[in-house]
C-alpha atoms as a PDB file:
ATOM      1  CA  MET A   1     -68.606 197.805 141.128  1.00  0.00           C
ATOM      2  CA  PRO A   2     -68.522 197.206 137.381  1.00  0.00           C
ATOM      3  CA  TRP A   3     -66.190 199.535 135.543  1.00  0.00           C
ATOM      4  CA  SER A   4     -68.983 200.562 133.200  1.00  0.00           C
ATOM      5  CA  GLN A   5     -71.145 201.747 136.109  1.00  0.00           C
ATOM      6  CA  SER A   6     -68.690 203.590 138.328  1.00  0.00           C
ATOM      7  CA  LYS A   7     -65.971 205.638 136.683  1.00  0.00           C
ATOM      8  CA  LYS A   8     -64.821 207.071 140.011  1.00  0.00           C
ATOM      9  CA  ASP A   9     -64.140 203.591 141.434  1.00  0.00           C
ATOM     10  CA  ARG A  10     -62.448 202.056 138.386  1.00  0.00           C
ATOM     11  CA  LEU A  11     -58.924 202.489 139.654  1.00  0.00           C
ATOM     12  CA  ASP A  12     -59.665 201.818 143.317  1.00  0.00           C
ATOM     13  CA  PRO A  13     -57.641 198.710 144.203  1.00  0.00           C
ATOM     14  CA  GLN A  14     -60.362 197.812 146.708  1.00  0.00           C
ATOM     15  CA  ASN A  15     -62.746 197.356 143.792  1.00  0.00           C
ATOM     16  CA  GLY A  16     -61.056 194.221 142.549  1.00  0.00           C
ATOM     17  CA  ILE A  17     -60.836 190.613 143.611  1.00  0.00           C
ATOM     18  CA  CYS A  18     -58.396 188.081 142.200  1.00  0.00           C
ATOM     19  CA  LEU A  19     -60.453 185.041 141.197  1.00  0.00           C
ATOM     20  CA  SER A  20     -60.030 182.081 138.880  1.00  0.00           C
ATOM     21  CA  THR A  21     -61.602 182.444 135.447  1.00  0.00           C
ATOM     22  CA  LEU A  22     -64.550 180.219 136.374  1.00  0.00           C
ATOM     23  CA  VAL A  23     -65.248 181.936 139.693  1.00  0.00           C
ATOM     24  CA  ASP A  24     -64.798 185.403 138.178  1.00  0.00           C
ATOM     25  CA  LYS A  25     -67.353 184.650 135.454  1.00  0.00           C
ATOM     26  CA  ALA A  26     -69.787 183.176 138.000  1.00  0.00           C
ATOM     27  CA  PHE A  27     -69.335 186.288 140.168  1.00  0.00           C
ATOM     28  CA  ASP A  28     -69.982 188.590 137.190  1.00  0.00           C
ATOM     29  CA  LYS A  29     -73.114 186.615 136.253  1.00  0.00           C
ATOM     30  CA  GLY A  30     -74.452 186.616 139.840  1.00  0.00           C
ATOM     31  CA  TYR A  31     -74.129 182.892 140.515  1.00  0.00           C
ATOM     32  CA  LEU A  32     -72.138 183.680 143.620  1.00  0.00           C
ATOM     33  CA  THR A  33     -71.311 186.668 145.739  1.00  0.00           C
ATOM     34  CA  ILE A  34     -68.969 187.453 148.593  1.00  0.00           C
ATOM     35  CA  THR A  35     -70.585 188.499 151.849  1.00  0.00           C
ATOM     36  CA  SER A  36     -69.456 191.361 154.075  1.00  0.00           C
ATOM     37  CA  GLU A  37     -67.827 188.644 156.221  1.00  0.00           C
ATOM     38  CA  TYR A  38     -65.800 187.686 153.111  1.00  0.00           C
ATOM     39  CA  ARG A  39     -67.513 184.322 152.638  1.00  0.00           C
ATOM     40  CA  VAL A  40     -68.615 182.903 149.294  1.00  0.00           C
ATOM     41  CA  LEU A  41     -72.391 182.612 148.972  1.00  0.00           C
ATOM     42  CA  LEU A  42     -73.773 180.459 146.152  1.00  0.00           C
ATOM     43  CA  SER A  43     -76.988 181.364 144.352  1.00  0.00           C
ATOM     44  CA  PRO A  44     -79.982 179.024 144.661  1.00  0.00           C
ATOM     45  CA  LEU A  45     -80.256 179.411 140.881  1.00  0.00           C
ATOM     46  CA  LEU A  46     -77.346 176.958 140.615  1.00  0.00           C
ATOM     47  CA  GLU A  47     -79.820 174.185 141.445  1.00  0.00           C
ATOM     48  CA  LYS A  48     -80.917 174.415 137.803  1.00  0.00           C
ATOM     49  CA  ASP A  49     -77.416 173.632 136.514  1.00  0.00           C
ATOM     50  CA  VAL A  50     -75.972 170.537 138.187  1.00  0.00           C
ATOM     51  CA  ILE A  51     -72.627 170.759 136.383  1.00  0.00           C
ATOM     52  CA  LEU A  52     -72.006 174.400 137.297  1.00  0.00           C
ATOM     53  CA  TYR A  53     -73.214 173.769 140.830  1.00  0.00           C
ATOM     54  CA  ASN A  54     -70.772 170.882 141.256  1.00  0.00           C
ATOM     55  CA  LEU A  55     -67.922 173.066 139.982  1.00  0.00           C
ATOM     56  CA  LEU A  56     -68.745 175.914 142.377  1.00  0.00           C
ATOM     57  CA  LYS A  57     -69.892 173.867 145.381  1.00  0.00           C
ATOM     58  CA  PRO A  58     -66.369 173.572 146.860  1.00  0.00           C
ATOM     59  CA  TYR A  59     -66.299 177.381 147.236  1.00  0.00           C
ATOM     60  CA  GLY A  60     -69.630 177.625 149.048  1.00  0.00           C
ATOM     61  CA  ASN A  61     -69.357 179.276 152.478  1.00  0.00           C
ATOM     62  CA  LYS A  62     -65.563 179.379 152.214  1.00  0.00           C
ATOM     63  CA  LYS A  63     -63.868 182.481 153.519  1.00  0.00           C
ATOM     64  CA  ILE A  64     -61.720 184.235 150.941  1.00  0.00           C
ATOM     65  CA  LYS A  65     -58.115 184.965 151.758  1.00  0.00           C
ATOM     66  CA  TYR A  66     -58.156 188.467 153.176  1.00  0.00           C
ATOM     67  CA  PRO A  67     -55.502 190.512 151.409  1.00  0.00           C
ATOM     68  CA  LYS A  68     -53.206 192.649 153.554  1.00  0.00           C
ATOM     69  CA  PHE A  69     -53.181 195.412 150.958  1.00  0.00           C
ATOM     70  CA  ALA A  70     -56.426 196.919 149.639  1.00  0.00           C
ATOM     71  CA  PRO A  71     -59.012 194.341 150.768  1.00  0.00           C
ATOM     72  CA  PRO A  72     -62.362 194.486 148.951  1.00  0.00           C
ATOM     73  CA  LYS A  73     -64.555 197.289 150.279  1.00  0.00           C
ATOM     74  CA  ARG A  74     -67.637 196.018 152.045  1.00  0.00           C
ATOM     75  CA  GLU A  75     -69.768 198.655 150.304  1.00  0.00           C
ATOM     76  CA  PHE A  76     -68.729 197.240 146.905  1.00  0.00           C
ATOM     77  CA  LEU A  77     -69.514 193.698 148.033  1.00  0.00           C
ATOM     78  CA  GLN A  78     -72.898 194.859 149.326  1.00  0.00           C
ATOM     79  CA  TRP A  79     -73.644 196.540 145.983  1.00  0.00           C
ATOM     80  CA  HIS A  80     -72.840 193.292 144.170  1.00  0.00           C
ATOM     81  CA  ALA A  81     -75.060 191.289 146.530  1.00  0.00           C
ATOM     82  CA  GLU A  82     -77.978 193.680 145.982  1.00  0.00           C
ATOM     83  CA  HIS A  83     -77.652 194.337 142.235  1.00  0.00           C
ATOM     84  CA  VAL A  84     -75.951 191.337 140.622  1.00  0.00           C
ATOM     85  CA  PHE A  85     -76.361 188.289 142.860  1.00  0.00           C
ATOM     86  CA  LYS A  86     -79.248 186.006 141.890  1.00  0.00           C
ATOM     87  CA  ARG A  87     -80.958 185.332 145.206  1.00  0.00           C
ATOM     88  CA  TYR A  88     -83.968 183.461 143.890  1.00  0.00           C
ATOM     89  CA  ILE A  89     -84.726 180.773 141.370  1.00  0.00           C
ATOM     90  CA  GLU A  90     -86.346 182.410 138.383  1.00  0.00           C
END
């Protein structure tokens, strides 16, 4: 959940994921999401940008390392998938 949209969840450690700069930016822009099974799902919109697609392709369908402490809440991941992730080519 973006900090700007959910003040009550800002400090929840389960509302954060440690990602590289590139992957974090792609996540924020909706070019990828993380499923409730903790797998990386790439947006079909990446087909329009070959360079970005090639940079993110190695992460596609990979399972993230599940943290022992404060794993990402599935409800937050679902919110991202529904409100941020770009499911279709525009």
